[in-house]
Protein backbone atom coordinates (compact mmCIF):
# COMPACT_ATOMS: atom_id res chain seq x y z
CA UNK A 1 -5.66 -9.40 -25.42
CA UNK A 2 -7.88 -6.93 -23.71
CA UNK A 3 -8.16 -3.71 -24.99
CA UNK A 4 -4.89 -4.49 -26.95
CA UNK A 5 -2.88 -5.51 -23.38
CA UNK A 6 -1.68 -8.86 -22.63
CA UNK A 7 -3.09 -10.52 -19.20
CA UNK A 8 0.86 -10.15 -17.73
CA UNK A 9 0.68 -6.31 -18.85
CA UNK A 10 -3.00 -5.90 -16.79
CA UNK A 11 -1.60 -7.73 -13.76
CA UNK A 12 1.79 -6.13 -13.85
CA UNK A 13 -0.16 -2.53 -14.07
CA UNK A 14 -2.42 -3.38 -10.81
CA UNK A 15 0.09 -5.14 -8.82
CA UNK A 16 2.11 -2.03 -8.85
CA UNK A 17 -0.22 0.78 -9.23
CA UNK A 18 -3.73 -0.27 -8.18
CA UNK A 19 -2.04 -2.14 -4.91
CA UNK A 20 -0.13 1.49 -4.36
CA UNK A 21 -3.05 3.17 -4.57
CA UNK A 22 -5.15 0.58 -2.14
CA UNK A 23 -2.18 1.14 0.49
CA UNK A 24 -3.06 4.99 0.29
CA UNK A 25 -6.71 4.25 0.66
CA UNK A 26 -6.03 2.25 3.82
CA UNK A 27 -3.55 5.11 5.46
CA UNK A 28 -6.78 7.64 4.63
CA UNK A 29 -8.87 5.14 6.42
CA UNK A 30 -6.70 4.65 8.91
CA UNK A 31 -5.66 8.35 10.03
CA UNK A 32 -9.78 8.74 9.87
CA UNK A 33 -10.09 6.12 12.72
CA UNK A 34 -7.45 7.90 14.59
CA UNK A 35 -9.10 11.24 14.30
CA UNK A 36 -12.58 10.06 15.44
CA UNK A 37 -11.73 7.98 17.84
CA UNK A 38 -9.44 10.91 18.97
CA UNK A 39 -6.38 8.83 19.80
CA UNK A 40 -3.81 11.20 20.55
CA UNK A 41 -0.48 11.08 19.20
CA UNK A 42 0.53 8.00 20.88
CA UNK A 43 -2.95 6.09 19.30
CA UNK A 44 -2.29 6.94 16.06
CA UNK A 45 1.15 6.18 16.23
CA UNK A 46 0.25 2.45 17.49
CA UNK A 47 -2.77 2.41 14.68
CA UNK A 48 -0.08 2.90 12.11
CA UNK A 49 2.54 0.79 13.25
CA UNK A 50 -0.27 -2.15 13.96
CA UNK A 51 -2.37 -1.61 10.51
CA UNK A 52 0.47 -0.55 8.74
CA UNK A 53 2.87 -2.71 8.74
CA UNK A 54 1.74 -4.80 6.17
CA UNK A 55 2.52 -2.11 3.78
CA UNK A 56 6.39 -2.17 4.69
CA UNK A 57 6.22 -5.75 3.29
CA UNK A 58 5.18 -4.63 -0.20
CA UNK A 59 7.35 -1.83 -0.45
CA UNK A 60 10.05 -3.75 0.15
CA UNK A 61 9.49 -5.99 -2.55
CA UNK A 62 9.13 -3.22 -4.76
CA UNK A 63 13.01 -2.35 -3.52
CA UNK A 64 13.82 -5.65 -3.97
CA UNK A 65 12.64 -6.19 -7.30
CA UNK A 66 14.54 -2.60 -8.47
CA UNK A 67 17.63 -3.95 -6.95
CA UNK A 68 17.43 -7.16 -8.85
CA UNK A 69 16.88 -6.03 -11.79
CA UNK A 70 19.53 -3.02 -12.02
């Protein structure tokens, strides 16, 4: 027990909110890359599509878990 929480509670919290915060930070970084490189609309779309496609898997996992637990 750390600060009154079990290891399972801590890992569940960080797997949900920690990874979610990391995804938001990565979206900010991708936006900065597009801005600094003057990528334009299509280039920005390609950057977000190519670098952000991994986020879809994490979001799908959350939706599938929610759907199966209902």
